[in-house]
Every structure is written in C-alpha cells, then in structure tokens.
Amino acid sequence: MAYQMVMENNQTVGEIAKALNLSRSTIYRYIDKKRELALG
C-alpha cells in the first residue's frame, strides 16, 4: 500500500508515513524491498 501510494501519488514519503502512522525509514525500507523484488 505504501509503495503504491509513493508511485502513484504526488505525496511525499513524510506525508504517506504520517497518514499510515509509520516512520519515514519504515516506508523507505519497504520501498527498497519492493524494488529489489521487482528487479529480481
């Protein structure tokens, strides 16, 4: 969900983190993992 929000919206990671009640570093870790899986 966070990854999709980052890729599809004009929201910053900070705004998304606040909306989901997560830290920015958690969002970045999640995004990095999704990118690794996508790249193989």
PDB file of N, CA and C in Angstrom:
ATOM      1  N   MET A   1       0.817  -1.185   0.000  1.00  0.00           N
ATOM      2  CA  MET A   1       0.000   0.000   0.000  1.00  0.00           C
ATOM      3  C   MET A   1       0.869   1.260   0.000  1.00  0.00           C
ATOM      4  N   ALA A   2       1.861   1.296   0.848  1.00  0.00           N
ATOM      5  CA  ALA A   2       2.743   2.465   0.905  1.00  0.00           C
ATOM      6  C   ALA A   2       3.493   2.632  -0.413  1.00  0.00           C
ATOM      7  N   TYR A   3       3.979   1.529  -0.957  1.00  0.00           N
ATOM      8  CA  TYR A   3       4.704   1.576  -2.230  1.00  0.00           C
ATOM      9  C   TYR A   3       3.805   2.137  -3.325  1.00  0.00           C
ATOM     10  N   GLN A   4       2.588   1.661  -3.367  1.00  0.00           N
ATOM     11  CA  GLN A   4       1.632   2.128  -4.365  1.00  0.00           C
ATOM     12  C   GLN A   4       1.353   3.617  -4.196  1.00  0.00           C
ATOM     13  N   MET A   5       1.236   4.070  -2.960  1.00  0.00           N
ATOM     14  CA  MET A   5       0.988   5.488  -2.700  1.00  0.00           C
ATOM     15  C   MET A   5       2.152   6.341  -3.190  1.00  0.00           C
ATOM     16  N   VAL A   6       3.366   5.876  -2.971  1.00  0.00           N
ATOM     17  CA  VAL A   6       4.546   6.626  -3.399  1.00  0.00           C
ATOM     18  C   VAL A   6       4.608   6.689  -4.922  1.00  0.00           C
ATOM     19  N   MET A   7       4.354   5.578  -5.579  1.00  0.00           N
ATOM     20  CA  MET A   7       4.485   5.511  -7.023  1.00  0.00           C
ATOM     21  C   MET A   7       3.349   6.211  -7.768  1.00  0.00           C
ATOM     22  N   GLU A   8       2.156   6.243  -7.203  1.00  0.00           N
ATOM     23  CA  GLU A   8       1.005   6.753  -7.934  1.00  0.00           C
ATOM     24  C   GLU A   8       0.561   8.155  -7.526  1.00  0.00           C
ATOM     25  N   ASN A   9       1.034   8.652  -6.420  1.00  0.00           N
ATOM     26  CA  ASN A   9       0.556   9.942  -5.923  1.00  0.00           C
ATOM     27  C   ASN A   9       1.667  10.970  -5.870  1.00  0.00           C
ATOM     28  N   ASN A  10       1.280  12.191  -5.687  1.00  0.00           N
ATOM     29  CA  ASN A  10       2.237  13.277  -5.550  1.00  0.00           C
ATOM     30  C   ASN A  10       2.534  13.574  -4.090  1.00  0.00           C
ATOM     31  N   GLN A  11       2.299  12.606  -3.230  1.00  0.00           N
ATOM     32  CA  GLN A  11       2.561  12.784  -1.810  1.00  0.00           C
ATOM     33  C   GLN A  11       4.021  12.475  -1.511  1.00  0.00           C
ATOM     34  N   THR A  12       4.541  13.153  -0.516  1.00  0.00           N
ATOM     35  CA  THR A  12       5.901  12.864  -0.083  1.00  0.00           C
ATOM     36  C   THR A  12       5.893  11.638   0.815  1.00  0.00           C
ATOM     37  N   VAL A  13       7.060  11.060   1.007  1.00  0.00           N
ATOM     38  CA  VAL A  13       7.179   9.919   1.906  1.00  0.00           C
ATOM     39  C   VAL A  13       6.756  10.327   3.313  1.00  0.00           C
ATOM     40  N   GLY A  14       7.090  11.538   3.706  1.00  0.00           N
ATOM     41  CA  GLY A  14       6.691  12.031   5.020  1.00  0.00           C
ATOM     42  C   GLY A  14       5.181  12.093   5.182  1.00  0.00           C
ATOM     43  N   GLU A  15       4.496  12.554   4.152  1.00  0.00           N
ATOM     44  CA  GLU A  15       3.030  12.628   4.197  1.00  0.00           C
ATOM     45  C   GLU A  15       2.409  11.237   4.262  1.00  0.00           C
ATOM     46  N   ILE A  16       2.960  10.315   3.496  1.00  0.00           N
ATOM     47  CA  ILE A  16       2.455   8.943   3.497  1.00  0.00           C
ATOM     48  C   ILE A  16       2.709   8.287   4.848  1.00  0.00           C
ATOM     49  N   ALA A  17       3.895   8.490   5.394  1.00  0.00           N
ATOM     50  CA  ALA A  17       4.224   7.925   6.702  1.00  0.00           C
ATOM     51  C   ALA A  17       3.263   8.436   7.766  1.00  0.00           C
ATOM     52  N   LYS A  18       2.980   9.705   7.716  1.00  0.00           N
ATOM     53  CA  LYS A  18       2.053  10.291   8.690  1.00  0.00           C
ATOM     54  C   LYS A  18       0.652   9.705   8.521  1.00  0.00           C
ATOM     55  N   ALA A  19       0.202   9.566   7.288  1.00  0.00           N
ATOM     56  CA  ALA A  19      -1.132   9.025   7.016  1.00  0.00           C
ATOM     57  C   ALA A  19      -1.262   7.580   7.485  1.00  0.00           C
ATOM     58  N   LEU A  20      -0.171   6.810   7.383  1.00  0.00           N
ATOM     59  CA  LEU A  20      -0.193   5.396   7.766  1.00  0.00           C
ATOM     60  C   LEU A  20       0.320   5.159   9.182  1.00  0.00           C
ATOM     61  N   ASN A  21       0.701   6.235   9.861  1.00  0.00           N
ATOM     62  CA  ASN A  21       1.240   6.158  11.220  1.00  0.00           C
ATOM     63  C   ASN A  21       2.491   5.271  11.277  1.00  0.00           C
ATOM     64  N   LEU A  22       3.388   5.485  10.320  1.00  0.00           N
ATOM     65  CA  LEU A  22       4.663   4.779  10.245  1.00  0.00           C
ATOM     66  C   LEU A  22       5.781   5.806  10.159  1.00  0.00           C
ATOM     67  N   SER A  23       6.999   5.358  10.422  1.00  0.00           N
ATOM     68  CA  SER A  23       8.135   6.266  10.270  1.00  0.00           C
ATOM     69  C   SER A  23       8.542   6.322   8.801  1.00  0.00           C
ATOM     70  N   ARG A  24       9.220   7.398   8.441  1.00  0.00           N
ATOM     71  CA  ARG A  24       9.714   7.517   7.064  1.00  0.00           C
ATOM     72  C   ARG A  24      10.701   6.404   6.752  1.00  0.00           C
ATOM     73  N   SER A  25      11.542   6.046   7.718  1.00  0.00           N
ATOM     74  CA  SER A  25      12.524   4.986   7.462  1.00  0.00           C
ATOM     75  C   SER A  25      11.840   3.651   7.181  1.00  0.00           C
ATOM     76  N   THR A  26      10.717   3.387   7.824  1.00  0.00           N
ATOM     77  CA  THR A  26       9.962   2.164   7.549  1.00  0.00           C
ATOM     78  C   THR A  26       9.442   2.178   6.121  1.00  0.00           C
ATOM     79  N   ILE A  27       8.943   3.313   5.680  1.00  0.00           N
ATOM     80  CA  ILE A  27       8.442   3.436   4.308  1.00  0.00           C
ATOM     81  C   ILE A  27       9.580   3.207   3.315  1.00  0.00           C
ATOM     82  N   TYR A  28      10.734   3.826   3.559  1.00  0.00           N
ATOM     83  CA  TYR A  28      11.877   3.654   2.657  1.00  0.00           C
ATOM     84  C   TYR A  28      12.350   2.202   2.622  1.00  0.00           C
ATOM     85  N   ARG A  29      12.384   1.525   3.762  1.00  0.00           N
ATOM     86  CA  ARG A  29      12.773   0.110   3.785  1.00  0.00           C
ATOM     87  C   ARG A  29      11.812  -0.718   2.947  1.00  0.00           C
ATOM     88  N   TYR A  30      10.542  -0.460   3.095  1.00  0.00           N
ATOM     89  CA  TYR A  30       9.530  -1.193   2.346  1.00  0.00           C
ATOM     90  C   TYR A  30       9.684  -0.953   0.842  1.00  0.00           C
ATOM     91  N   ILE A  31       9.901   0.298   0.460  1.00  0.00           N
ATOM     92  CA  ILE A  31      10.084   0.635  -0.956  1.00  0.00           C
ATOM     93  C   ILE A  31      11.315  -0.074  -1.515  1.00  0.00           C
ATOM     94  N   ASP A  32      12.411  -0.067  -0.765  1.00  0.00           N
ATOM     95  CA  ASP A  32      13.638  -0.735  -1.216  1.00  0.00           C
ATOM     96  C   ASP A  32      13.410  -2.225  -1.428  1.00  0.00           C
ATOM     97  N   LYS A  33      12.692  -2.864  -0.529  1.00  0.00           N
ATOM     98  CA  LYS A  33      12.417  -4.297  -0.667  1.00  0.00           C
ATOM     99  C   LYS A  33      11.560  -4.579  -1.889  1.00  0.00           C
ATOM    100  N   LYS A  34      10.554  -3.738  -2.122  1.00  0.00           N
ATOM    101  CA  LYS A  34       9.697  -3.929  -3.290  1.00  0.00           C
ATOM    102  C   LYS A  34      10.498  -3.767  -4.580  1.00  0.00           C
ATOM    103  N   ARG A  35      11.407  -2.807  -4.615  1.00  0.00           N
ATOM    104  CA  ARG A  35      12.232  -2.597  -5.810  1.00  0.00           C
ATOM    105  C   ARG A  35      13.163  -3.782  -6.039  1.00  0.00           C
ATOM    106  N   GLU A  36      13.739  -4.317  -4.975  1.00  0.00           N
ATOM    107  CA  GLU A  36      14.611  -5.487  -5.101  1.00  0.00           C
ATOM    108  C   GLU A  36      13.851  -6.662  -5.691  1.00  0.00           C
ATOM    109  N   LEU A  37      12.640  -6.890  -5.212  1.00  0.00           N
ATOM    110  CA  LEU A  37      11.830  -7.989  -5.725  1.00  0.00           C
ATOM    111  C   LEU A  37      11.462  -7.766  -7.189  1.00  0.00           C
ATOM    112  N   ALA A  38      11.184  -6.541  -7.543  1.00  0.00           N
ATOM    113  CA  ALA A  38      10.803  -6.230  -8.916  1.00  0.00           C
ATOM    114  C   ALA A  38      11.977  -6.415  -9.881  1.00  0.00           C
ATOM    115  N   LEU A  39      13.173  -6.101  -9.398  1.00  0.00           N
ATOM    116  CA  LEU A  39      14.357  -6.215 -10.250  1.00  0.00           C
ATOM    117  C   LEU A  39      14.906  -7.630 -10.307  1.00  0.00           C
ATOM    118  N   GLY A  40      14.535  -8.430  -9.335  1.00  0.00           N
ATOM    119  CA  GLY A  40      14.967  -9.826  -9.326  1.00  0.00           C
ATOM    120  C   GLY A  40      16.234  -9.981  -8.667  1.00  0.00           C
TER     121      GLY A  40
END
